[in-house]
Protein backbone atom coordinates (compact mmCIF):
# COMPACT_ATOMS: atom_id res chain seq x y z
CA UNK A 1 64.64 45.37 -6.86
CA UNK A 2 63.14 45.81 -10.32
CA UNK A 3 66.09 44.45 -12.15
CA UNK A 4 66.30 41.38 -9.88
CA UNK A 5 62.70 40.46 -10.72
CA UNK A 6 63.26 41.28 -14.42
CA UNK A 7 66.42 38.89 -14.54
CA UNK A 8 64.43 36.11 -12.90
CA UNK A 9 61.52 36.58 -15.38
CA UNK A 10 63.98 36.72 -18.25
CA UNK A 11 65.69 33.50 -17.16
CA UNK A 12 62.46 31.76 -16.88
CA UNK A 13 61.03 32.92 -20.29
CA UNK A 14 64.13 32.06 -22.40
CA UNK A 15 64.32 28.56 -23.60
CA UNK A 16 67.82 27.58 -22.32
CA UNK A 17 69.25 24.54 -20.95
CA UNK A 18 71.87 26.39 -19.08
CA UNK A 19 70.72 29.26 -17.18
CA UNK A 20 70.80 30.95 -13.78
CA UNK A 21 68.93 29.00 -11.15
CA UNK A 22 70.01 30.21 -7.57
CA UNK A 23 69.21 33.54 -5.92
CA UNK A 24 73.04 34.28 -5.61
CA UNK A 25 73.33 34.01 -9.54
CA UNK A 26 70.50 36.38 -9.90
CA UNK A 27 72.02 38.90 -7.45
CA UNK A 28 75.39 38.73 -8.93
CA UNK A 29 73.96 39.24 -12.38
CA UNK A 30 72.18 42.40 -11.32
CA UNK A 31 75.17 43.69 -9.46
CA UNK A 32 77.30 43.24 -12.56
CA UNK A 33 74.73 44.87 -14.62
CA UNK A 34 74.50 47.96 -12.37
CA UNK A 35 78.25 48.26 -12.15
CA UNK A 36 79.10 47.67 -15.89
CA UNK A 37 76.33 49.42 -17.61
CA UNK A 38 76.19 52.67 -15.45
CA UNK A 39 75.62 54.91 -18.58
CA UNK A 40 72.58 52.94 -19.72
CA UNK A 41 68.95 53.80 -18.72
CA UNK A 42 66.57 51.41 -17.24
CA UNK A 43 64.58 51.68 -20.60
CA UNK A 44 67.53 50.53 -22.42
CA UNK A 45 68.22 47.60 -20.26
CA UNK A 46 64.53 46.65 -20.48
CA UNK A 47 64.91 46.82 -24.34
CA UNK A 48 67.61 44.40 -24.36
CA UNK A 49 65.82 42.05 -22.05
CA UNK A 50 62.80 42.12 -24.37
CA UNK A 51 65.00 41.39 -27.28
CA UNK A 52 66.22 38.22 -25.45
CA UNK A 53 62.53 37.23 -24.73
CA UNK A 54 61.54 37.74 -28.42
CA UNK A 55 64.50 35.67 -29.48
CA UNK A 56 66.04 38.54 -31.52
CA UNK A 57 69.41 37.90 -29.52
CA UNK A 58 70.61 34.21 -30.01
CA UNK A 59 71.23 32.51 -26.75
CA UNK A 60 72.64 29.21 -28.06
CA UNK A 61 70.99 27.49 -25.21
CA UNK A 62 72.75 29.34 -22.46
CA UNK A 63 71.71 32.46 -20.46
CA UNK A 64 74.24 33.42 -17.90
CA UNK A 65 75.50 36.79 -16.61
CA UNK A 66 78.27 37.11 -19.28
CA UNK A 67 75.79 36.56 -22.00
CA UNK A 68 73.51 39.18 -20.73
CA UNK A 69 76.49 41.62 -20.31
CA UNK A 70 77.72 41.06 -23.78
CA UNK A 71 74.28 41.84 -25.20
CA UNK A 72 74.03 44.91 -23.04
CA UNK A 73 77.40 46.16 -24.08
CA UNK A 74 76.72 45.39 -27.75
CA UNK A 75 73.61 47.43 -27.54
CA UNK A 76 75.42 50.28 -25.82
CA UNK A 77 78.14 50.39 -28.34
CA UNK A 78 75.92 50.27 -31.49
CA UNK A 79 72.67 52.09 -30.47
CA UNK A 80 72.88 53.55 -27.02
CA UNK A 81 75.80 55.85 -27.62
CA UNK A 82 74.21 57.40 -30.71
CA UNK A 83 71.05 58.03 -28.84
CA UNK A 84 72.62 59.69 -25.99
CA UNK A 85 74.87 61.86 -28.22
CA UNK A 86 71.76 63.10 -30.12
CA UNK A 87 70.13 63.98 -26.83
CA UNK A 88 73.08 65.90 -25.41
CA UNK A 89 74.05 67.91 -28.49
CA UNK A 90 74.52 71.54 -27.80
CA UNK A 91 71.21 73.45 -28.62
CA UNK A 92 71.21 75.91 -31.35
CA UNK A 93 71.57 79.49 -30.23
CA UNK A 94 68.27 81.28 -30.22
CA UNK A 95 69.69 84.19 -32.15
CA UNK A 96 70.64 81.85 -35.05
CA UNK A 97 67.37 80.16 -34.88
CA UNK A 98 65.54 83.48 -35.20
CA UNK A 99 67.82 84.97 -37.85
CA UNK A 100 67.32 81.90 -40.13
CA UNK A 101 63.56 82.44 -40.10
CA UNK A 102 62.44 84.87 -42.83
CA UNK A 103 59.24 86.02 -40.97
CA UNK A 104 61.16 87.31 -38.00
CA UNK A 105 63.76 90.07 -37.55
CA UNK A 106 66.60 89.83 -35.12
CA UNK A 107 66.28 92.56 -32.44
CA UNK A 108 69.55 93.91 -31.03
CA UNK A 109 69.57 96.05 -27.88
CA UNK A 110 72.61 98.04 -26.78
CA UNK A 111 73.61 98.65 -23.26
CA UNK A 112 72.15 102.21 -23.39
CA UNK A 113 68.83 100.69 -24.57
CA UNK A 114 68.74 98.44 -21.58
CA UNK A 115 69.49 101.28 -19.21
CA UNK A 116 66.72 103.35 -20.77
CA UNK A 117 64.33 100.43 -20.40
CA UNK A 118 65.29 100.12 -16.82
CA UNK A 119 64.56 103.89 -16.25
CA UNK A 120 61.17 103.54 -17.57
CA UNK A 121 60.09 101.19 -14.89
CA UNK A 122 61.71 103.42 -12.23
CA UNK A 123 59.90 106.55 -13.48
CA UNK A 124 56.57 104.79 -13.32
CA UNK A 125 57.27 103.74 -9.71
CA UNK A 126 58.29 107.25 -8.67
CA UNK A 127 55.25 108.76 -9.97
CA UNK A 128 53.05 106.24 -8.12
CA UNK A 129 54.83 106.78 -4.78
CA UNK A 130 54.39 110.66 -5.27
CA UNK A 131 50.64 110.48 -5.52
């Protein structure tokens, strides 16, 4: 519903002689956007719409579904993919992060150390139960 209202508003704000005018054209445009631009977020689509409104994307007097889709796919190919790749990079392992800091030392526990730590908690519980 949001995209439908946004496409209508975009069509009204852009100074174009050939633009979408019927409800069916608006609905078809939104359906195409949702099917073709599945990897894009709503914020990215909104950003491209704002670029249209500001005149940063040239319309050449025409604003139809293919023009909007082309602008969205161009944005996705140039900017959107880079942003998503940066977000989804594998995080640095905590051990590497700690080892690289000079003010911290890396603590390594063996399996025996973990067993002994587990026994400490059990010993405390046993003494509480006996009293």
